[in-house]
Amino acid sequence: MSTTITQLSPQVILAPIVGRFDAHQVPKIQKEIDAALANGATTVIMDLSEVNFVDSSALAVMVRTMKHCRERNGELMLCGLRQPVRIIFELTRMDKAFRIFDDVVAARGSVGV
């Protein structure tokens, strides 16, 4: 899995995460997110349009990232959830905790960028 970080200070777009977002990918993704936050990012847009499965460790990374962003007066925004991933979010009620958008353009537009 390869991801791309696009720094649009103070925003960061993490895309694409491809395939399964699970315990095997979590360390790499967490390292990239931590580096972006250390470099001054306050808002993270996570493009999940190519993800077909998330597990509890991926959800934990998202919750942790959301907390860190909010501590910096920013936020974590998710976009492009496919139906299998959306169902996981709905079953866990995580869809109520996160701001979810159709795509990166809509997410960026919500913060005026």
PDB file of N, CA and C in Angstrom:
ATOM      1  N   MET A   1       0.839  -1.177   0.000  1.00  0.00           N
ATOM      2  CA  MET A   1       0.000   0.000   0.000  1.00  0.00           C
ATOM      3  C   MET A   1       0.877   1.230   0.000  1.00  0.00           C
ATOM      4  N   SER A   2       0.615   2.137  -0.913  1.00  0.00           N
ATOM      5  CA  SER A   2       1.346   3.394  -0.890  1.00  0.00           C
ATOM      6  C   SER A   2       0.352   4.532  -0.725  1.00  0.00           C
ATOM      7  N   THR A   3       0.740   5.511   0.032  1.00  0.00           N
ATOM      8  CA  THR A   3      -0.100   6.674   0.258  1.00  0.00           C
ATOM      9  C   THR A   3       0.680   7.910  -0.119  1.00  0.00           C
ATOM     10  N   THR A   4      -0.050   8.957  -0.370  1.00  0.00           N
ATOM     11  CA  THR A   4       0.553  10.233  -0.706  1.00  0.00           C
ATOM     12  C   THR A   4       0.058  11.266   0.289  1.00  0.00           C
ATOM     13  N   ILE A   5       0.974  12.028   0.830  1.00  0.00           N
ATOM     14  CA  ILE A   5       0.609  13.137   1.706  1.00  0.00           C
ATOM     15  C   ILE A   5       0.741  14.415   0.890  1.00  0.00           C
ATOM     16  N   THR A   6      -0.329  15.168   0.830  1.00  0.00           N
ATOM     17  CA  THR A   6      -0.305  16.470   0.174  1.00  0.00           C
ATOM     18  C   THR A   6      -0.474  17.515   1.256  1.00  0.00           C
ATOM     19  N   GLN A   7       0.550  18.316   1.465  1.00  0.00           N
ATOM     20  CA  GLN A   7       0.523  19.341   2.508  1.00  0.00           C
ATOM     21  C   GLN A   7      -0.025  20.630   1.927  1.00  0.00           C
ATOM     22  N   LEU A   8      -1.151  21.069   2.450  1.00  0.00           N
ATOM     23  CA  LEU A   8      -1.765  22.334   2.078  1.00  0.00           C
ATOM     24  C   LEU A   8      -1.954  23.104   3.372  1.00  0.00           C
ATOM     25  N   SER A   9      -0.856  23.551   3.937  1.00  0.00           N
ATOM     26  CA  SER A   9      -0.829  24.099   5.285  1.00  0.00           C
ATOM     27  C   SER A   9      -2.001  25.035   5.535  1.00  0.00           C
ATOM     28  N   PRO A  10      -2.734  24.845   6.621  1.00  0.00           N
ATOM     29  CA  PRO A  10      -2.538  23.859   7.673  1.00  0.00           C
ATOM     30  C   PRO A  10      -3.287  22.546   7.431  1.00  0.00           C
ATOM     31  N   GLN A  11      -3.660  22.293   6.187  1.00  0.00           N
ATOM     32  CA  GLN A  11      -4.359  21.050   5.848  1.00  0.00           C
ATOM     33  C   GLN A  11      -3.396  20.029   5.292  1.00  0.00           C
ATOM     34  N   VAL A  12      -3.777  18.776   5.459  1.00  0.00           N
ATOM     35  CA  VAL A  12      -3.026  17.691   4.863  1.00  0.00           C
ATOM     36  C   VAL A  12      -4.039  16.725   4.258  1.00  0.00           C
ATOM     37  N   ILE A  13      -3.773  16.262   3.058  1.00  0.00           N
ATOM     38  CA  ILE A  13      -4.637  15.266   2.431  1.00  0.00           C
ATOM     39  C   ILE A  13      -3.853  13.968   2.362  1.00  0.00           C
ATOM     40  N   LEU A  14      -4.409  12.934   2.933  1.00  0.00           N
ATOM     41  CA  LEU A  14      -3.794  11.614   2.937  1.00  0.00           C
ATOM     42  C   LEU A  14      -4.557  10.763   1.930  1.00  0.00           C
ATOM     43  N   ALA A  15      -3.915  10.463   0.800  1.00  0.00           N
ATOM     44  CA  ALA A  15      -4.619   9.720  -0.256  1.00  0.00           C
ATOM     45  C   ALA A  15      -3.629   9.049  -1.178  1.00  0.00           C
ATOM     46  N   PRO A  16      -3.986   8.025  -1.878  1.00  0.00           N
ATOM     47  CA  PRO A  16      -5.115   7.181  -1.502  1.00  0.00           C
ATOM     48  C   PRO A  16      -4.640   6.070  -0.586  1.00  0.00           C
ATOM     49  N   ILE A  17      -5.463   5.703   0.314  1.00  0.00           N
ATOM     50  CA  ILE A  17      -5.256   4.474   1.058  1.00  0.00           C
ATOM     51  C   ILE A  17      -5.984   3.433   0.222  1.00  0.00           C
ATOM     52  N   VAL A  18      -5.325   2.351  -0.143  1.00  0.00           N
ATOM     53  CA  VAL A  18      -5.895   1.394  -1.090  1.00  0.00           C
ATOM     54  C   VAL A  18      -6.072   0.028  -0.448  1.00  0.00           C
ATOM     55  N   GLY A  19      -7.231  -0.588  -0.692  1.00  0.00           N
ATOM     56  CA  GLY A  19      -7.492  -1.950  -0.225  1.00  0.00           C
ATOM     57  C   GLY A  19      -7.955  -1.982   1.205  1.00  0.00           C
ATOM     58  N   ARG A  20      -7.307  -2.795   1.981  1.00  0.00           N
ATOM     59  CA  ARG A  20      -7.659  -2.957   3.388  1.00  0.00           C
ATOM     60  C   ARG A  20      -6.889  -1.951   4.237  1.00  0.00           C
ATOM     61  N   PHE A  21      -7.600  -1.271   5.104  1.00  0.00           N
ATOM     62  CA  PHE A  21      -6.969  -0.391   6.084  1.00  0.00           C
ATOM     63  C   PHE A  21      -7.110  -1.142   7.405  1.00  0.00           C
ATOM     64  N   ASP A  22      -6.049  -1.888   7.737  1.00  0.00           N
ATOM     65  CA  ASP A  22      -6.105  -2.751   8.907  1.00  0.00           C
ATOM     66  C   ASP A  22      -4.790  -2.695   9.663  1.00  0.00           C
ATOM     67  N   ALA A  23      -4.624  -3.596  10.599  1.00  0.00           N
ATOM     68  CA  ALA A  23      -3.461  -3.593  11.485  1.00  0.00           C
ATOM     69  C   ALA A  23      -2.139  -3.633  10.734  1.00  0.00           C
ATOM     70  N   HIS A  24      -2.117  -4.177   9.540  1.00  0.00           N
ATOM     71  CA  HIS A  24      -0.876  -4.233   8.762  1.00  0.00           C
ATOM     72  C   HIS A  24      -0.475  -2.864   8.224  1.00  0.00           C
ATOM     73  N   GLN A  25      -1.443  -2.006   7.918  1.00  0.00           N
ATOM     74  CA  GLN A  25      -1.162  -0.680   7.373  1.00  0.00           C
ATOM     75  C   GLN A  25      -1.080   0.408   8.449  1.00  0.00           C
ATOM     76  N   VAL A  26      -1.642   0.141   9.608  1.00  0.00           N
ATOM     77  CA  VAL A  26      -1.738   1.158  10.651  1.00  0.00           C
ATOM     78  C   VAL A  26      -0.396   1.799  11.013  1.00  0.00           C
ATOM     79  N   PRO A  27       0.679   1.046  11.241  1.00  0.00           N
ATOM     80  CA  PRO A  27       1.936   1.708  11.636  1.00  0.00           C
ATOM     81  C   PRO A  27       2.425   2.736  10.603  1.00  0.00           C
ATOM     82  N   LYS A  28       2.360   2.392   9.326  1.00  0.00           N
ATOM     83  CA  LYS A  28       2.810   3.311   8.275  1.00  0.00           C
ATOM     84  C   LYS A  28       1.918   4.551   8.215  1.00  0.00           C
ATOM     85  N   ILE A  29       0.618   4.357   8.236  1.00  0.00           N
ATOM     86  CA  ILE A  29      -0.322   5.481   8.175  1.00  0.00           C
ATOM     87  C   ILE A  29      -0.160   6.365   9.403  1.00  0.00           C
ATOM     88  N   GLN A  30      -0.039   5.748  10.578  1.00  0.00           N
ATOM     89  CA  GLN A  30       0.114   6.526  11.805  1.00  0.00           C
ATOM     90  C   GLN A  30       1.393   7.361  11.769  1.00  0.00           C
ATOM     91  N   LYS A  31       2.467   6.770  11.258  1.00  0.00           N
ATOM     92  CA  LYS A  31       3.730   7.500  11.152  1.00  0.00           C
ATOM     93  C   LYS A  31       3.578   8.713  10.225  1.00  0.00           C
ATOM     94  N   GLU A  32       2.900   8.541   9.104  1.00  0.00           N
ATOM     95  CA  GLU A  32       2.688   9.648   8.166  1.00  0.00           C
ATOM     96  C   GLU A  32       1.825  10.743   8.783  1.00  0.00           C
ATOM     97  N   ILE A  33       0.783  10.348   9.478  1.00  0.00           N
ATOM     98  CA  ILE A  33      -0.094  11.330  10.125  1.00  0.00           C
ATOM     99  C   ILE A  33       0.668  12.080  11.211  1.00  0.00           C
ATOM    100  N   ASP A  34       1.409  11.354  12.049  1.00  0.00           N
ATOM    101  CA  ASP A  34       2.181  11.997  13.117  1.00  0.00           C
ATOM    102  C   ASP A  34       3.181  12.995  12.551  1.00  0.00           C
ATOM    103  N   ALA A  35       3.836  12.645  11.442  1.00  0.00           N
ATOM    104  CA  ALA A  35       4.799  13.556  10.809  1.00  0.00           C
ATOM    105  C   ALA A  35       4.096  14.809  10.295  1.00  0.00           C
ATOM    106  N   ALA A  36       2.939  14.634   9.683  1.00  0.00           N
ATOM    107  CA  ALA A  36       2.197  15.789   9.163  1.00  0.00           C
ATOM    108  C   ALA A  36       1.765  16.712  10.296  1.00  0.00           C
ATOM    109  N   LEU A  37       1.282  16.143  11.379  1.00  0.00           N
ATOM    110  CA  LEU A  37       0.878  16.954  12.529  1.00  0.00           C
ATOM    111  C   LEU A  37       2.080  17.649  13.159  1.00  0.00           C
ATOM    112  N   ALA A  38       3.217  16.964  13.219  1.00  0.00           N
ATOM    113  CA  ALA A  38       4.436  17.569  13.764  1.00  0.00           C
ATOM    114  C   ALA A  38       4.923  18.722  12.894  1.00  0.00           C
ATOM    115  N   ASN A  39       4.596  18.670  11.603  1.00  0.00           N
ATOM    116  CA  ASN A  39       4.999  19.731  10.671  1.00  0.00           C
ATOM    117  C   ASN A  39       3.978  20.853  10.594  1.00  0.00           C
ATOM    118  N   GLY A  40       3.018  20.884  11.515  1.00  0.00           N
ATOM    119  CA  GLY A  40       2.104  22.010  11.607  1.00  0.00           C
ATOM    120  C   GLY A  40       0.714  21.801  11.047  1.00  0.00           C
ATOM    121  N   ALA A  41       0.414  20.641  10.515  1.00  0.00           N
ATOM    122  CA  ALA A  41      -0.938  20.396  10.016  1.00  0.00           C
ATOM    123  C   ALA A  41      -1.921  20.424  11.179  1.00  0.00           C
ATOM    124  N   THR A  42      -3.082  20.983  10.936  1.00  0.00           N
ATOM    125  CA  THR A  42      -4.140  20.982  11.946  1.00  0.00           C
ATOM    126  C   THR A  42      -5.362  20.203  11.471  1.00  0.00           C
ATOM    127  N   THR A  43      -5.522  20.098  10.163  1.00  0.00           N
ATOM    128  CA  THR A  43      -6.653  19.390   9.579  1.00  0.00           C
ATOM    129  C   THR A  43      -6.147  18.292   8.663  1.00  0.00           C
ATOM    130  N   VAL A  44      -6.698  17.096   8.836  1.00  0.00           N
ATOM    131  CA  VAL A  44      -6.334  15.957   8.005  1.00  0.00           C
ATOM    132  C   VAL A  44      -7.574  15.514   7.238  1.00  0.00           C
ATOM    133  N   ILE A  45      -7.430  15.421   5.921  1.00  0.00           N
ATOM    134  CA  ILE A  45      -8.482  14.866   5.072  1.00  0.00           C
ATOM    135  C   ILE A  45      -7.999  13.492   4.644  1.00  0.00           C
ATOM    136  N   MET A  46      -8.742  12.464   5.035  1.00  0.00           N
ATOM    137  CA  MET A  46      -8.354  11.096   4.743  1.00  0.00           C
ATOM    138  C   MET A  46      -9.265  10.568   3.629  1.00  0.00           C
ATOM    139  N   ASP A  47      -8.675  10.327   2.459  1.00  0.00           N
ATOM    140  CA  ASP A  47      -9.420   9.830   1.307  1.00  0.00           C
ATOM    141  C   ASP A  47      -9.497   8.311   1.381  1.00  0.00           C
ATOM    142  N   LEU A  48     -10.697   7.800   1.626  1.00  0.00           N
ATOM    143  CA  LEU A  48     -10.908   6.362   1.773  1.00  0.00           C
ATOM    144  C   LEU A  48     -11.627   5.771   0.562  1.00  0.00           C
ATOM    145  N   SER A  49     -11.596   6.463  -0.553  1.00  0.00           N
ATOM    146  CA  SER A  49     -12.345   6.035  -1.735  1.00  0.00           C
ATOM    147  C   SER A  49     -11.849   4.721  -2.328  1.00  0.00           C
ATOM    148  N   GLU A  50     -10.626   4.319  -2.019  1.00  0.00           N
ATOM    149  CA  GLU A  50     -10.080   3.056  -2.526  1.00  0.00           C
ATOM    150  C   GLU A  50      -9.994   1.977  -1.452  1.00  0.00           C
ATOM    151  N   VAL A  51     -10.619   2.234  -0.298  1.00  0.00           N
ATOM    152  CA  VAL A  51     -10.587   1.287   0.813  1.00  0.00           C
ATOM    153  C   VAL A  51     -11.854   0.443   0.790  1.00  0.00           C
ATOM    154  N   ASN A  52     -11.692  -0.868   0.914  1.00  0.00           N
ATOM    155  CA  ASN A  52     -12.859  -1.737   0.929  1.00  0.00           C
ATOM    156  C   ASN A  52     -13.091  -2.403   2.286  1.00  0.00           C
ATOM    157  N   PHE A  53     -12.197  -2.157   3.264  1.00  0.00           N
ATOM    158  CA  PHE A  53     -12.353  -2.733   4.596  1.00  0.00           C
ATOM    159  C   PHE A  53     -11.545  -1.923   5.601  1.00  0.00           C
ATOM    160  N   VAL A  54     -12.120  -1.681   6.768  1.00  0.00           N
ATOM    161  CA  VAL A  54     -11.383  -1.096   7.891  1.00  0.00           C
ATOM    162  C   VAL A  54     -11.604  -1.982   9.110  1.00  0.00           C
ATOM    163  N   ASP A  55     -10.564  -2.124   9.918  1.00  0.00           N
ATOM    164  CA  ASP A  55     -10.716  -2.893  11.144  1.00  0.00           C
ATOM    165  C   ASP A  55     -10.630  -1.959  12.352  1.00  0.00           C
ATOM    166  N   SER A  56     -10.691  -2.542  13.533  1.00  0.00           N
ATOM    167  CA  SER A  56     -10.711  -1.730  14.752  1.00  0.00           C
ATOM    168  C   SER A  56      -9.432  -0.925  14.937  1.00  0.00           C
ATOM    169  N   SER A  57      -8.299  -1.438  14.488  1.00  0.00           N
ATOM    170  CA  SER A  57      -7.056  -0.674  14.638  1.00  0.00           C
ATOM    171  C   SER A  57      -7.067   0.556  13.721  1.00  0.00           C
ATOM    172  N   ALA A  58      -7.665   0.443  12.551  1.00  0.00           N
ATOM    173  CA  ALA A  58      -7.792   1.605  11.662  1.00  0.00           C
ATOM    174  C   ALA A  58      -8.743   2.627  12.262  1.00  0.00           C
ATOM    175  N   LEU A  59      -9.849   2.153  12.834  1.00  0.00           N
ATOM    176  CA  LEU A  59     -10.776   3.073  13.493  1.00  0.00           C
ATOM    177  C   LEU A  59     -10.095   3.780  14.660  1.00  0.00           C
ATOM    178  N   ALA A  60      -9.242   3.059  15.381  1.00  0.00           N
ATOM    179  CA  ALA A  60      -8.512   3.663  16.498  1.00  0.00           C
ATOM    180  C   ALA A  60      -7.578   4.764  16.009  1.00  0.00           C
ATOM    181  N   VAL A  61      -6.912   4.549  14.871  1.00  0.00           N
ATOM    182  CA  VAL A  61      -6.042   5.577  14.296  1.00  0.00           C
ATOM    183  C   VAL A  61      -6.856   6.814  13.942  1.00  0.00           C
ATOM    184  N   MET A  62      -8.031   6.597  13.398  1.00  0.00           N
ATOM    185  CA  MET A  62      -8.879   7.740  13.026  1.00  0.00           C
ATOM    186  C   MET A  62      -9.335   8.514  14.255  1.00  0.00           C
ATOM    187  N   VAL A  63      -9.718   7.811  15.309  1.00  0.00           N
ATOM    188  CA  VAL A  63     -10.135   8.490  16.539  1.00  0.00           C
ATOM    189  C   VAL A  63      -8.969   9.257  17.140  1.00  0.00           C
ATOM    190  N   ARG A  64      -7.811   8.643  17.179  1.00  0.00           N
ATOM    191  CA  ARG A  64      -6.609   9.304  17.717  1.00  0.00           C
ATOM    192  C   ARG A  64      -6.271  10.547  16.902  1.00  0.00           C
ATOM    193  N   THR A  65      -6.347  10.418  15.587  1.00  0.00           N
ATOM    194  CA  THR A  65      -6.044  11.556  14.710  1.00  0.00           C
ATOM    195  C   THR A  65      -7.061  12.673  14.921  1.00  0.00           C
ATOM    196  N   MET A  66      -8.333  12.306  15.047  1.00  0.00           N
ATOM    197  CA  MET A  66      -9.368  13.302  15.298  1.00  0.00           C
ATOM    198  C   MET A  66      -9.070  14.077  16.582  1.00  0.00           C
ATOM    199  N   LYS A  67      -8.686  13.367  17.645  1.00  0.00           N
ATOM    200  CA  LYS A  67      -8.364  14.015  18.913  1.00  0.00           C
ATOM    201  C   LYS A  67      -7.182  14.967  18.760  1.00  0.00           C
ATOM    202  N   HIS A  68      -6.138  14.529  18.073  1.00  0.00           N
ATOM    203  CA  HIS A  68      -4.946  15.369  17.896  1.00  0.00           C
ATOM    204  C   HIS A  68      -5.267  16.603  17.059  1.00  0.00           C
ATOM    205  N   CYS A  69      -6.076  16.431  16.038  1.00  0.00           N
ATOM    206  CA  CYS A  69      -6.465  17.584  15.216  1.00  0.00           C
ATOM    207  C   CYS A  69      -7.280  18.580  16.030  1.00  0.00           C
ATOM    208  N   ARG A  70      -8.208  18.078  16.808  1.00  0.00           N
ATOM    209  CA  ARG A  70      -9.051  18.966  17.618  1.00  0.00           C
ATOM    210  C   ARG A  70      -8.238  19.706  18.665  1.00  0.00           C
ATOM    211  N   GLU A  71      -7.187  19.067  19.189  1.00  0.00           N
ATOM    212  CA  GLU A  71      -6.302  19.750  20.138  1.00  0.00           C
ATOM    213  C   GLU A  71      -5.603  20.940  19.481  1.00  0.00           C
ATOM    214  N   ARG A  72      -5.487  20.898  18.161  1.00  0.00           N
ATOM    215  CA  ARG A  72      -4.850  21.972  17.394  1.00  0.00           C
ATOM    216  C   ARG A  72      -5.878  22.879  16.728  1.00  0.00           C
ATOM    217  N   ASN A  73      -7.131  22.807  17.201  1.00  0.00           N
ATOM    218  CA  ASN A  73      -8.246  23.564  16.633  1.00  0.00           C
ATOM    219  C   ASN A  73      -8.494  23.222  15.171  1.00  0.00           C
ATOM    220  N   GLY A  74      -8.247  21.994  14.812  1.00  0.00           N
ATOM    221  CA  GLY A  74      -8.509  21.513  13.464  1.00  0.00           C
ATOM    222  C   GLY A  74      -9.471  20.344  13.535  1.00  0.00           C
ATOM    223  N   GLU A  75      -9.441  19.517  12.509  1.00  0.00           N
ATOM    224  CA  GLU A  75     -10.317  18.361  12.506  1.00  0.00           C
ATOM    225  C   GLU A  75      -9.834  17.302  11.528  1.00  0.00           C
ATOM    226  N   LEU A  76     -10.377  16.117  11.702  1.00  0.00           N
ATOM    227  CA  LEU A  76     -10.167  15.031  10.758  1.00  0.00           C
ATOM    228  C   LEU A  76     -11.434  14.911   9.937  1.00  0.00           C
ATOM    229  N   MET A  77     -11.276  14.885   8.618  1.00  0.00           N
ATOM    230  CA  MET A  77     -12.407  14.700   7.723  1.00  0.00           C
ATOM    231  C   MET A  77     -12.152  13.459   6.890  1.00  0.00           C
ATOM    232  N   LEU A  78     -13.182  12.655   6.727  1.00  0.00           N
ATOM    233  CA  LEU A  78     -13.096  11.445   5.927  1.00  0.00           C
ATOM    234  C   LEU A  78     -13.895  11.659   4.656  1.00  0.00           C
ATOM    235  N   CYS A  79     -13.447  11.052   3.572  1.00  0.00           N
ATOM    236  CA  CYS A  79     -14.210  11.190   2.338  1.00  0.00           C
ATOM    237  C   CYS A  79     -14.115   9.937   1.492  1.00  0.00           C
ATOM    238  N   GLY A  80     -15.113   9.787   0.618  1.00  0.00           N
ATOM    239  CA  GLY A  80     -15.116   8.720  -0.359  1.00  0.00           C
ATOM    240  C   GLY A  80     -15.402   7.339   0.190  1.00  0.00           C
ATOM    241  N   LEU A  81     -16.169   7.242   1.267  1.00  0.00           N
ATOM    242  CA  LEU A  81     -16.428   5.923   1.852  1.00  0.00           C
ATOM    243  C   LEU A  81     -17.250   5.055   0.905  1.00  0.00           C
ATOM    244  N   ARG A  82     -16.713   3.891   0.581  1.00  0.00           N
ATOM    245  CA  ARG A  82     -17.453   2.892  -0.197  1.00  0.00           C
ATOM    246  C   ARG A  82     -18.497   2.249   0.709  1.00  0.00           C
ATOM    247  N   GLN A  83     -19.473   1.599   0.099  1.00  0.00           N
ATOM    248  CA  GLN A  83     -20.571   1.013   0.862  1.00  0.00           C
ATOM    249  C   GLN A  83     -20.115   0.049   1.967  1.00  0.00           C
ATOM    250  N   PRO A  84     -19.175  -0.887   1.704  1.00  0.00           N
ATOM    251  CA  PRO A  84     -18.763  -1.790   2.802  1.00  0.00           C
ATOM    252  C   PRO A  84     -18.148  -1.042   3.990  1.00  0.00           C
ATOM    253  N   VAL A  85     -17.399   0.007   3.704  1.00  0.00           N
ATOM    254  CA  VAL A  85     -16.775   0.796   4.772  1.00  0.00           C
ATOM    255  C   VAL A  85     -17.831   1.648   5.473  1.00  0.00           C
ATOM    256  N   ARG A  86     -18.736   2.219   4.702  1.00  0.00           N
ATOM    257  CA  ARG A  86     -19.812   3.027   5.288  1.00  0.00           C
ATOM    258  C   ARG A  86     -20.648   2.174   6.254  1.00  0.00           C
ATOM    259  N   ILE A  87     -20.903   0.930   5.887  1.00  0.00           N
ATOM    260  CA  ILE A  87     -21.674   0.038   6.758  1.00  0.00           C
ATOM    261  C   ILE A  87     -20.943  -0.183   8.082  1.00  0.00           C
ATOM    262  N   ILE A  88     -19.624  -0.370   8.022  1.00  0.00           N
ATOM    263  CA  ILE A  88     -18.837  -0.536   9.257  1.00  0.00           C
ATOM    264  C   ILE A  88     -18.967   0.709  10.125  1.00  0.00           C
ATOM    265  N   PHE A  89     -18.888   1.885   9.509  1.00  0.00           N
ATOM    266  CA  PHE A  89     -19.020   3.132  10.268  1.00  0.00           C
ATOM    267  C   PHE A  89     -20.414   3.254  10.881  1.00  0.00           C
ATOM    268  N   GLU A  90     -21.433   2.863  10.149  1.00  0.00           N
ATOM    269  CA  GLU A  90     -22.795   2.948  10.667  1.00  0.00           C
ATOM    270  C   GLU A  90     -23.024   1.950  11.803  1.00  0.00           C
ATOM    271  N   LEU A  91     -22.517   0.726  11.641  1.00  0.00           N
ATOM    272  CA  LEU A  91     -22.691  -0.285  12.685  1.00  0.00           C
ATOM    273  C   LEU A  91     -21.993   0.097  13.988  1.00  0.00           C
ATOM    274  N   THR A  92     -20.861   0.739  13.870  1.00  0.00           N
ATOM    275  CA  THR A  92     -20.100   1.158  15.057  1.00  0.00           C
ATOM    276  C   THR A  92     -20.499   2.555  15.536  1.00  0.00           C
ATOM    277  N   ARG A  93     -21.401   3.178  14.801  1.00  0.00           N
ATOM    278  CA  ARG A  93     -21.856   4.559  15.054  1.00  0.00           C
ATOM    279  C   ARG A  93     -20.732   5.585  14.930  1.00  0.00           C
ATOM    280  N   MET A  94     -19.676   5.197  14.283  1.00  0.00           N
ATOM    281  CA  MET A  94     -18.570   6.129  14.047  1.00  0.00           C
ATOM    282  C   MET A  94     -18.959   7.194  13.025  1.00  0.00           C
ATOM    283  N   ASP A  95     -20.003   6.936  12.249  1.00  0.00           N
ATOM    284  CA  ASP A  95     -20.469   7.930  11.288  1.00  0.00           C
ATOM    285  C   ASP A  95     -20.995   9.176  11.994  1.00  0.00           C
ATOM    286  N   LYS A  96     -21.330   9.055  13.274  1.00  0.00           N
ATOM    287  CA  LYS A  96     -21.786  10.206  14.063  1.00  0.00           C
ATOM    288  C   LYS A  96     -20.606  10.998  14.625  1.00  0.00           C
ATOM    289  N   ALA A  97     -19.455  10.366  14.745  1.00  0.00           N
ATOM    290  CA  ALA A  97     -18.288  11.009  15.355  1.00  0.00           C
ATOM    291  C   ALA A  97     -17.468  11.815  14.344  1.00  0.00           C
ATOM    292  N   PHE A  98     -17.488  11.395  13.077  1.00  0.00           N
ATOM    293  CA  PHE A  98     -16.640  12.008  12.063  1.00  0.00           C
ATOM    294  C   PHE A  98     -17.441  12.841  11.072  1.00  0.00           C
ATOM    295  N   ARG A  99     -16.790  13.844  10.513  1.00  0.00           N
ATOM    296  CA  ARG A  99     -17.363  14.557   9.373  1.00  0.00           C
ATOM    297  C   ARG A  99     -16.981  13.761   8.137  1.00  0.00           C
ATOM    298  N   ILE A 100     -17.989  13.319   7.402  1.00  0.00           N
ATOM    299  CA  ILE A 100     -17.778  12.466   6.236  1.00  0.00           C
ATOM    300  C   ILE A 100     -18.309  13.178   5.002  1.00  0.00           C
ATOM    301  N   PHE A 101     -17.480  13.177   3.951  1.00  0.00           N
ATOM    302  CA  PHE A 101     -17.822  13.869   2.708  1.00  0.00           C
ATOM    303  C   PHE A 101     -17.757  12.897   1.540  1.00  0.00           C
ATOM    304  N   ASP A 102     -18.401  13.284   0.455  1.00  0.00           N
ATOM    305  CA  ASP A 102     -18.407  12.440  -0.742  1.00  0.00           C
ATOM    306  C   ASP A 102     -17.024  12.302  -1.357  1.00  0.00           C
ATOM    307  N   ASP A 103     -16.256  13.408  -1.367  1.00  0.00           N
ATOM    308  CA  ASP A 103     -14.937  13.382  -1.996  1.00  0.00           C
ATOM    309  C   ASP A 103     -14.042  14.456  -1.390  1.00  0.00           C
ATOM    310  N   VAL A 104     -12.787  14.478  -1.834  1.00  0.00           N
ATOM    311  CA  VAL A 104     -11.800  15.422  -1.309  1.00  0.00           C
ATOM    312  C   VAL A 104     -12.223  16.861  -1.586  1.00  0.00           C
ATOM    313  N   VAL A 105     -12.776  17.114  -2.753  1.00  0.00           N
ATOM    314  CA  VAL A 105     -13.187  18.470  -3.128  1.00  0.00           C
ATOM    315  C   VAL A 105     -14.232  18.983  -2.138  1.00  0.00           C
ATOM    316  N   ALA A 106     -15.213  18.156  -1.816  1.00  0.00           N
ATOM    317  CA  ALA A 106     -16.249  18.568  -0.856  1.00  0.00           C
ATOM    318  C   ALA A 106     -15.657  18.800   0.531  1.00  0.00           C
ATOM    319  N   ALA A 107     -14.729  17.950   0.950  1.00  0.00           N
ATOM    320  CA  ALA A 107     -14.091  18.114   2.261  1.00  0.00           C
ATOM    321  C   ALA A 107     -13.290  19.411   2.312  1.00  0.00           C
ATOM    322  N   ARG A 108     -12.494  19.653   1.270  1.00  0.00           N
ATOM    323  CA  ARG A 108     -11.707  20.890   1.238  1.00  0.00           C
ATOM    324  C   ARG A 108     -12.602  22.115   1.215  1.00  0.00           C
ATOM    325  N   GLY A 109     -13.710  22.022   0.491  1.00  0.00           N
ATOM    326  CA  GLY A 109     -14.634  23.136   0.405  1.00  0.00           C
ATOM    327  C   GLY A 109     -15.290  23.472   1.725  1.00  0.00           C
ATOM    328  N   SER A 110     -15.415  22.491   2.609  1.00  0.00           N
ATOM    329  CA  SER A 110     -16.056  22.729   3.890  1.00  0.00           C
ATOM    330  C   SER A 110     -15.207  23.588   4.826  1.00  0.00           C
ATOM    331  N   VAL A 111     -13.912  23.672   4.537  1.00  0.00           N
ATOM    332  CA  VAL A 111     -13.029  24.504   5.365  1.00  0.00           C
ATOM    333  C   VAL A 111     -12.554  25.729   4.602  1.00  0.00           C
ATOM    334  N   GLY A 112     -13.171  25.971   3.453  1.00  0.00           N
ATOM    335  CA  GLY A 112     -12.885  27.200   2.722  1.00  0.00           C
ATOM    336  C   GLY A 112     -11.578  27.214   1.968  1.00  0.00           C
ATOM    337  N   VAL A 113     -11.074  26.048   1.548  1.00  0.00           N
ATOM    338  CA  VAL A 113      -9.828  25.997   0.798  1.00  0.00           C
ATOM    339  C   VAL A 113     -10.121  25.647  -0.630  1.00  0.00           C
TER     340      VAL A 113
END
